[in-house]
Amino acid sequence: MKIGDAPFDISVNVRNIGSATLSSADVHFSIDGGMAIGGAVTTSTNIASLASGTLTSPAKWTPSATGVYNVKVLDI
């Protein structure tokens, strides 16, 4: 990634192990152990039972400087 391409989407691949379709979700993440950022996924979620899909946080991330960062998805 190039810092000039910021802001960046934070996406996570999920597998729905429940018996019902996943029709809504929140995605929160932290950078280097910082404050949680994120919220309700605004795109179509609809991941069927036992299926996989990608969820993207509504919050985009802009690094403060070039470097290596630890990005952690906190909850879905």
PDB file of N, CA and C in Angstrom:
ATOM      1  N   MET A   1       0.832  -1.169   0.000  1.00  0.00           N
ATOM      2  CA  MET A   1       0.000   0.000   0.000  1.00  0.00           C
ATOM      3  C   MET A   1       0.881   1.237   0.000  1.00  0.00           C
ATOM      4  N   LYS A   2       0.405   2.269  -0.629  1.00  0.00           N
ATOM      5  CA  LYS A   2       1.110   3.548  -0.620  1.00  0.00           C
ATOM      6  C   LYS A   2       0.277   4.549   0.167  1.00  0.00           C
ATOM      7  N   ILE A   3       0.935   5.307   1.029  1.00  0.00           N
ATOM      8  CA  ILE A   3       0.225   6.279   1.867  1.00  0.00           C
ATOM      9  C   ILE A   3      -0.542   7.282   1.018  1.00  0.00           C
ATOM     10  N   GLY A   4      -0.057   7.537  -0.176  1.00  0.00           N
ATOM     11  CA  GLY A   4      -0.743   8.449  -1.081  1.00  0.00           C
ATOM     12  C   GLY A   4      -2.083   7.919  -1.580  1.00  0.00           C
ATOM     13  N   ASP A   5      -2.307   6.612  -1.406  1.00  0.00           N
ATOM     14  CA  ASP A   5      -3.577   6.001  -1.831  1.00  0.00           C
ATOM     15  C   ASP A   5      -4.640   6.048  -0.733  1.00  0.00           C
ATOM     16  N   ALA A   6      -4.291   6.565   0.448  1.00  0.00           N
ATOM     17  CA  ALA A   6      -5.231   6.634   1.580  1.00  0.00           C
ATOM     18  C   ALA A   6      -6.388   7.571   1.253  1.00  0.00           C
ATOM     19  N   PRO A   7      -7.550   7.382   1.872  1.00  0.00           N
ATOM     20  CA  PRO A   7      -7.863   6.470   2.970  1.00  0.00           C
ATOM     21  C   PRO A   7      -8.099   5.046   2.476  1.00  0.00           C
ATOM     22  N   PHE A   8      -7.878   4.083   3.388  1.00  0.00           N
ATOM     23  CA  PHE A   8      -7.988   2.670   3.062  1.00  0.00           C
ATOM     24  C   PHE A   8      -9.242   2.058   3.686  1.00  0.00           C
ATOM     25  N   ASP A   9      -9.848   1.120   2.942  1.00  0.00           N
ATOM     26  CA  ASP A   9     -10.941   0.318   3.484  1.00  0.00           C
ATOM     27  C   ASP A   9     -10.352  -0.760   4.378  1.00  0.00           C
ATOM     28  N   ILE A  10     -11.045  -1.092   5.443  1.00  0.00           N
ATOM     29  CA  ILE A  10     -10.688  -2.226   6.297  1.00  0.00           C
ATOM     30  C   ILE A  10     -11.783  -3.264   6.107  1.00  0.00           C
ATOM     31  N   SER A  11     -11.411  -4.405   5.535  1.00  0.00           N
ATOM     32  CA  SER A  11     -12.374  -5.466   5.238  1.00  0.00           C
ATOM     33  C   SER A  11     -11.964  -6.744   5.954  1.00  0.00           C
ATOM     34  N   VAL A  12     -12.954  -7.576   6.220  1.00  0.00           N
ATOM     35  CA  VAL A  12     -12.708  -8.853   6.882  1.00  0.00           C
ATOM     36  C   VAL A  12     -13.548  -9.930   6.201  1.00  0.00           C
ATOM     37  N   ASN A  13     -12.943 -11.091   6.013  1.00  0.00           N
ATOM     38  CA  ASN A  13     -13.673 -12.240   5.479  1.00  0.00           C
ATOM     39  C   ASN A  13     -14.301 -12.975   6.653  1.00  0.00           C
ATOM     40  N   VAL A  14     -15.582 -13.290   6.531  1.00  0.00           N
ATOM     41  CA  VAL A  14     -16.294 -13.978   7.615  1.00  0.00           C
ATOM     42  C   VAL A  14     -17.004 -15.207   7.076  1.00  0.00           C
ATOM     43  N   ARG A  15     -17.217 -16.148   7.973  1.00  0.00           N
ATOM     44  CA  ARG A  15     -18.028 -17.329   7.664  1.00  0.00           C
ATOM     45  C   ARG A  15     -19.182 -17.324   8.646  1.00  0.00           C
ATOM     46  N   ASN A  16     -20.397 -17.401   8.123  1.00  0.00           N
ATOM     47  CA  ASN A  16     -21.600 -17.421   8.941  1.00  0.00           C
ATOM     48  C   ASN A  16     -21.836 -18.854   9.410  1.00  0.00           C
ATOM     49  N   ILE A  17     -21.571 -19.109  10.687  1.00  0.00           N
ATOM     50  CA  ILE A  17     -21.782 -20.462  11.219  1.00  0.00           C
ATOM     51  C   ILE A  17     -23.139 -20.595  11.897  1.00  0.00           C
ATOM     52  N   GLY A  18     -23.950 -19.543  11.803  1.00  0.00           N
ATOM     53  CA  GLY A  18     -25.299 -19.587  12.363  1.00  0.00           C
ATOM     54  C   GLY A  18     -26.275 -20.269  11.431  1.00  0.00           C
ATOM     55  N   SER A  19     -27.501 -20.449  11.902  1.00  0.00           N
ATOM     56  CA  SER A  19     -28.524 -21.117  11.089  1.00  0.00           C
ATOM     57  C   SER A  19     -29.336 -20.132  10.247  1.00  0.00           C
ATOM     58  N   ALA A  20     -29.217 -18.845  10.528  1.00  0.00           N
ATOM     59  CA  ALA A  20     -29.963 -17.818   9.784  1.00  0.00           C
ATOM     60  C   ALA A  20     -29.005 -16.987   8.928  1.00  0.00           C
ATOM     61  N   THR A  21     -29.559 -16.365   7.894  1.00  0.00           N
ATOM     62  CA  THR A  21     -28.774 -15.467   7.057  1.00  0.00           C
ATOM     63  C   THR A  21     -28.318 -14.272   7.875  1.00  0.00           C
ATOM     64  N   LEU A  22     -27.060 -13.906   7.715  1.00  0.00           N
ATOM     65  CA  LEU A  22     -26.516 -12.719   8.364  1.00  0.00           C
ATOM     66  C   LEU A  22     -26.945 -11.517   7.531  1.00  0.00           C
ATOM     67  N   SER A  23     -27.851 -10.703   8.074  1.00  0.00           N
ATOM     68  CA  SER A  23     -28.409  -9.599   7.288  1.00  0.00           C
ATOM     69  C   SER A  23     -27.912  -8.235   7.740  1.00  0.00           C
ATOM     70  N   SER A  24     -27.217  -8.177   8.865  1.00  0.00           N
ATOM     71  CA  SER A  24     -26.625  -6.913   9.307  1.00  0.00           C
ATOM     72  C   SER A  24     -25.432  -7.236  10.198  1.00  0.00           C
ATOM     73  N   ALA A  25     -24.499  -6.314  10.254  1.00  0.00           N
ATOM     74  CA  ALA A  25     -23.309  -6.530  11.082  1.00  0.00           C
ATOM     75  C   ALA A  25     -22.600  -5.208  11.302  1.00  0.00           C
ATOM     76  N   ASP A  26     -21.860  -5.148  12.389  1.00  0.00           N
ATOM     77  CA  ASP A  26     -20.958  -4.031  12.662  1.00  0.00           C
ATOM     78  C   ASP A  26     -19.535  -4.554  12.520  1.00  0.00           C
ATOM     79  N   VAL A  27     -18.660  -3.740  11.992  1.00  0.00           N
ATOM     80  CA  VAL A  27     -17.241  -4.081  11.909  1.00  0.00           C
ATOM     81  C   VAL A  27     -16.458  -2.962  12.576  1.00  0.00           C
ATOM     82  N   HIS A  28     -15.717  -3.316  13.624  1.00  0.00           N
ATOM     83  CA  HIS A  28     -14.868  -2.365  14.333  1.00  0.00           C
ATOM     84  C   HIS A  28     -13.426  -2.855  14.276  1.00  0.00           C
ATOM     85  N   PHE A  29     -12.499  -1.936  14.207  1.00  0.00           N
ATOM     86  CA  PHE A  29     -11.090  -2.297  14.153  1.00  0.00           C
ATOM     87  C   PHE A  29     -10.282  -1.298  14.967  1.00  0.00           C
ATOM     88  N   SER A  30      -9.053  -1.689  15.291  1.00  0.00           N
ATOM     89  CA  SER A  30      -8.136  -0.758  15.952  1.00  0.00           C
ATOM     90  C   SER A  30      -6.802  -0.796  15.229  1.00  0.00           C
ATOM     91  N   ILE A  31      -6.097   0.284  15.325  1.00  0.00           N
ATOM     92  CA  ILE A  31      -4.763   0.398  14.741  1.00  0.00           C
ATOM     93  C   ILE A  31      -3.776   0.504  15.894  1.00  0.00           C
ATOM     94  N   ASP A  32      -2.820  -0.415  15.938  1.00  0.00           N
ATOM     95  CA  ASP A  32      -1.794  -0.433  16.984  1.00  0.00           C
ATOM     96  C   ASP A  32      -2.384  -0.356  18.389  1.00  0.00           C
ATOM     97  N   GLY A  33      -3.498  -1.054  18.616  1.00  0.00           N
ATOM     98  CA  GLY A  33      -4.106  -1.114  19.944  1.00  0.00           C
ATOM     99  C   GLY A  33      -4.846   0.143  20.353  1.00  0.00           C
ATOM    100  N   GLY A  34      -5.102   1.028  19.404  1.00  0.00           N
ATOM    101  CA  GLY A  34      -5.784   2.280  19.704  1.00  0.00           C
ATOM    102  C   GLY A  34      -7.288   2.113  19.855  1.00  0.00           C
ATOM    103  N   MET A  35      -7.963   3.243  19.869  1.00  0.00           N
ATOM    104  CA  MET A  35      -9.411   3.294  20.031  1.00  0.00           C
ATOM    105  C   MET A  35     -10.122   2.551  18.900  1.00  0.00           C
ATOM    106  N   ALA A  36     -11.245   1.910  19.225  1.00  0.00           N
ATOM    107  CA  ALA A  36     -12.046   1.207  18.230  1.00  0.00           C
ATOM    108  C   ALA A  36     -12.653   2.199  17.245  1.00  0.00           C
ATOM    109  N   ILE A  37     -12.605   1.824  15.972  1.00  0.00           N
ATOM    110  CA  ILE A  37     -13.157   2.628  14.884  1.00  0.00           C
ATOM    111  C   ILE A  37     -14.071   1.708  14.090  1.00  0.00           C
ATOM    112  N   GLY A  38     -15.189   2.208  13.595  1.00  0.00           N
ATOM    113  CA  GLY A  38     -16.049   1.384  12.753  1.00  0.00           C
ATOM    114  C   GLY A  38     -17.505   1.689  12.967  1.00  0.00           C
ATOM    115  N   GLY A  39     -18.342   0.714  12.643  1.00  0.00           N
ATOM    116  CA  GLY A  39     -19.775   0.880  12.793  1.00  0.00           C
ATOM    117  C   GLY A  39     -20.528  -0.126  11.956  1.00  0.00           C
ATOM    118  N   ALA A  40     -21.793   0.178  11.709  1.00  0.00           N
ATOM    119  CA  ALA A  40     -22.667  -0.721  10.951  1.00  0.00           C
ATOM    120  C   ALA A  40     -22.244  -0.767   9.486  1.00  0.00           C
ATOM    121  N   VAL A  41     -22.171  -1.973   8.958  1.00  0.00           N
ATOM    122  CA  VAL A  41     -21.858  -2.163   7.544  1.00  0.00           C
ATOM    123  C   VAL A  41     -23.040  -1.635   6.745  1.00  0.00           C
ATOM    124  N   THR A  42     -22.768  -0.764   5.794  1.00  0.00           N
ATOM    125  CA  THR A  42     -23.841  -0.108   5.055  1.00  0.00           C
ATOM    126  C   THR A  42     -24.122  -0.760   3.703  1.00  0.00           C
ATOM    127  N   THR A  43     -23.256  -1.649   3.264  1.00  0.00           N
ATOM    128  CA  THR A  43     -23.506  -2.347   2.006  1.00  0.00           C
ATOM    129  C   THR A  43     -24.344  -3.585   2.295  1.00  0.00           C
ATOM    130  N   SER A  44     -24.845  -4.219   1.278  1.00  0.00           N
ATOM    131  CA  SER A  44     -25.651  -5.422   1.442  1.00  0.00           C
ATOM    132  C   SER A  44     -24.822  -6.498   2.143  1.00  0.00           C
ATOM    133  N   THR A  45     -25.316  -6.985   3.263  1.00  0.00           N
ATOM    134  CA  THR A  45     -24.592  -8.000   4.026  1.00  0.00           C
ATOM    135  C   THR A  45     -24.995  -9.386   3.529  1.00  0.00           C
ATOM    136  N   ASN A  46     -26.187  -9.818   3.827  1.00  0.00           N
ATOM    137  CA  ASN A  46     -26.792 -11.067   3.346  1.00  0.00           C
ATOM    138  C   ASN A  46     -25.811 -12.207   3.060  1.00  0.00           C
ATOM    139  N   ILE A  47     -25.267 -12.789   4.132  1.00  0.00           N
ATOM    140  CA  ILE A  47     -24.404 -13.957   4.010  1.00  0.00           C
ATOM    141  C   ILE A  47     -25.201 -15.143   4.547  1.00  0.00           C
ATOM    142  N   ALA A  48     -25.493 -16.081   3.666  1.00  0.00           N
ATOM    143  CA  ALA A  48     -26.333 -17.236   4.016  1.00  0.00           C
ATOM    144  C   ALA A  48     -25.662 -18.096   5.081  1.00  0.00           C
ATOM    145  N   SER A  49     -26.472 -18.899   5.751  1.00  0.00           N
ATOM    146  CA  SER A  49     -25.958 -19.841   6.737  1.00  0.00           C
ATOM    147  C   SER A  49     -24.881 -20.720   6.112  1.00  0.00           C
ATOM    148  N   LEU A  50     -23.775 -20.865   6.803  1.00  0.00           N
ATOM    149  CA  LEU A  50     -22.628 -21.680   6.399  1.00  0.00           C
ATOM    150  C   LEU A  50     -21.899 -21.159   5.164  1.00  0.00           C
ATOM    151  N   ALA A  51     -22.197 -19.938   4.747  1.00  0.00           N
ATOM    152  CA  ALA A  51     -21.514 -19.323   3.609  1.00  0.00           C
ATOM    153  C   ALA A  51     -20.484 -18.317   4.117  1.00  0.00           C
ATOM    154  N   SER A  52     -19.623 -17.881   3.226  1.00  0.00           N
ATOM    155  CA  SER A  52     -18.603 -16.887   3.557  1.00  0.00           C
ATOM    156  C   SER A  52     -18.848 -15.622   2.765  1.00  0.00           C
ATOM    157  N   GLY A  53     -18.335 -14.529   3.281  1.00  0.00           N
ATOM    158  CA  GLY A  53     -18.462 -13.249   2.594  1.00  0.00           C
ATOM    159  C   GLY A  53     -17.483 -12.246   3.165  1.00  0.00           C
ATOM    160  N   THR A  54     -17.427 -11.091   2.562  1.00  0.00           N
ATOM    161  CA  THR A  54     -16.525 -10.026   2.992  1.00  0.00           C
ATOM    162  C   THR A  54     -17.341  -8.856   3.506  1.00  0.00           C
ATOM    163  N   LEU A  55     -16.973  -8.358   4.675  1.00  0.00           N
ATOM    164  CA  LEU A  55     -17.601  -7.180   5.259  1.00  0.00           C
ATOM    165  C   LEU A  55     -16.570  -6.065   5.308  1.00  0.00           C
ATOM    166  N   THR A  56     -16.982  -4.862   4.969  1.00  0.00           N
ATOM    167  CA  THR A  56     -16.083  -3.708   4.976  1.00  0.00           C
ATOM    168  C   THR A  56     -16.600  -2.681   5.963  1.00  0.00           C
ATOM    169  N   SER A  57     -15.722  -2.247   6.852  1.00  0.00           N
ATOM    170  CA  SER A  57     -16.094  -1.238   7.840  1.00  0.00           C
ATOM    171  C   SER A  57     -16.491   0.052   7.133  1.00  0.00           C
ATOM    172  N   PRO A  58     -17.486   0.762   7.663  1.00  0.00           N
ATOM    173  CA  PRO A  58     -17.850   2.043   7.066  1.00  0.00           C
ATOM    174  C   PRO A  58     -16.791   3.118   7.322  1.00  0.00           C
ATOM    175  N   ALA A  59     -15.936   2.899   8.310  1.00  0.00           N
ATOM    176  CA  ALA A  59     -14.869   3.857   8.616  1.00  0.00           C
ATOM    177  C   ALA A  59     -13.639   3.517   7.787  1.00  0.00           C
ATOM    178  N   LYS A  60     -13.101   4.501   7.142  1.00  0.00           N
ATOM    179  CA  LYS A  60     -11.864   4.321   6.388  1.00  0.00           C
ATOM    180  C   LYS A  60     -10.691   4.754   7.265  1.00  0.00           C
ATOM    181  N   TRP A  61      -9.491   4.270   6.936  1.00  0.00           N
ATOM    182  CA  TRP A  61      -8.313   4.560   7.740  1.00  0.00           C
ATOM    183  C   TRP A  61      -7.272   5.300   6.910  1.00  0.00           C
ATOM    184  N   THR A  62      -6.755   6.380   7.482  1.00  0.00           N
ATOM    185  CA  THR A  62      -5.665   7.135   6.875  1.00  0.00           C
ATOM    186  C   THR A  62      -4.482   7.118   7.833  1.00  0.00           C
ATOM    187  N   PRO A  63      -3.387   6.456   7.458  1.00  0.00           N
ATOM    188  CA  PRO A  63      -2.212   6.422   8.325  1.00  0.00           C
ATOM    189  C   PRO A  63      -1.638   7.821   8.520  1.00  0.00           C
ATOM    190  N   SER A  64      -1.038   8.027   9.686  1.00  0.00           N
ATOM    191  CA  SER A  64      -0.438   9.330   9.976  1.00  0.00           C
ATOM    192  C   SER A  64       0.941   9.469   9.346  1.00  0.00           C
ATOM    193  N   ALA A  65       1.580   8.350   9.035  1.00  0.00           N
ATOM    194  CA  ALA A  65       2.920   8.369   8.440  1.00  0.00           C
ATOM    195  C   ALA A  65       3.188   7.015   7.794  1.00  0.00           C
ATOM    196  N   THR A  66       4.215   6.960   6.962  1.00  0.00           N
ATOM    197  CA  THR A  66       4.645   5.701   6.386  1.00  0.00           C
ATOM    198  C   THR A  66       5.180   4.816   7.506  1.00  0.00           C
ATOM    199  N   GLY A  67       4.858   3.528   7.492  1.00  0.00           N
ATOM    200  CA  GLY A  67       5.359   2.629   8.518  1.00  0.00           C
ATOM    201  C   GLY A  67       4.624   1.308   8.521  1.00  0.00           C
ATOM    202  N   VAL A  68       4.865   0.532   9.561  1.00  0.00           N
ATOM    203  CA  VAL A  68       4.221  -0.765   9.753  1.00  0.00           C
ATOM    204  C   VAL A  68       3.187  -0.592  10.864  1.00  0.00           C
ATOM    205  N   TYR A  69       1.970  -1.059  10.615  1.00  0.00           N
ATOM    206  CA  TYR A  69       0.874  -0.911  11.561  1.00  0.00           C
ATOM    207  C   TYR A  69       0.245  -2.264  11.853  1.00  0.00           C
ATOM    208  N   ASN A  70      -0.251  -2.443  13.061  1.00  0.00           N
ATOM    209  CA  ASN A  70      -0.991  -3.630  13.451  1.00  0.00           C
ATOM    210  C   ASN A  70      -2.480  -3.292  13.389  1.00  0.00           C
ATOM    211  N   VAL A  71      -3.183  -3.880  12.420  1.00  0.00           N
ATOM    212  CA  VAL A  71      -4.617  -3.650  12.240  1.00  0.00           C
ATOM    213  C   VAL A  71      -5.345  -4.872  12.780  1.00  0.00           C
ATOM    214  N   LYS A  72      -6.248  -4.651  13.753  1.00  0.00           N
ATOM    215  CA  LYS A  72      -6.954  -5.758  14.385  1.00  0.00           C
ATOM    216  C   LYS A  72      -8.446  -5.541  14.301  1.00  0.00           C
ATOM    217  N   VAL A  73      -9.176  -6.512  13.749  1.00  0.00           N
ATOM    218  CA  VAL A  73     -10.633  -6.457  13.749  1.00  0.00           C
ATOM    219  C   VAL A  73     -11.075  -6.889  15.136  1.00  0.00           C
ATOM    220  N   LEU A  74     -11.893  -6.046  15.788  1.00  0.00           N
ATOM    221  CA  LEU A  74     -12.278  -6.280  17.172  1.00  0.00           C
ATOM    222  C   LEU A  74     -13.553  -7.087  17.312  1.00  0.00           C
ATOM    223  N   ASP A  75     -14.531  -6.810  16.487  1.00  0.00           N
ATOM    224  CA  ASP A  75     -15.788  -7.558  16.551  1.00  0.00           C
ATOM    225  C   ASP A  75     -16.540  -7.420  15.257  1.00  0.00           C
ATOM    226  N   ILE A  76     -17.450  -8.353  15.086  1.00  0.00           N
ATOM    227  CA  ILE A  76     -18.289  -8.350  13.889  1.00  0.00           C
ATOM    228  C   ILE A  76     -19.698  -8.615  14.338  1.00  0.00           C
TER     229      ILE A  76
END
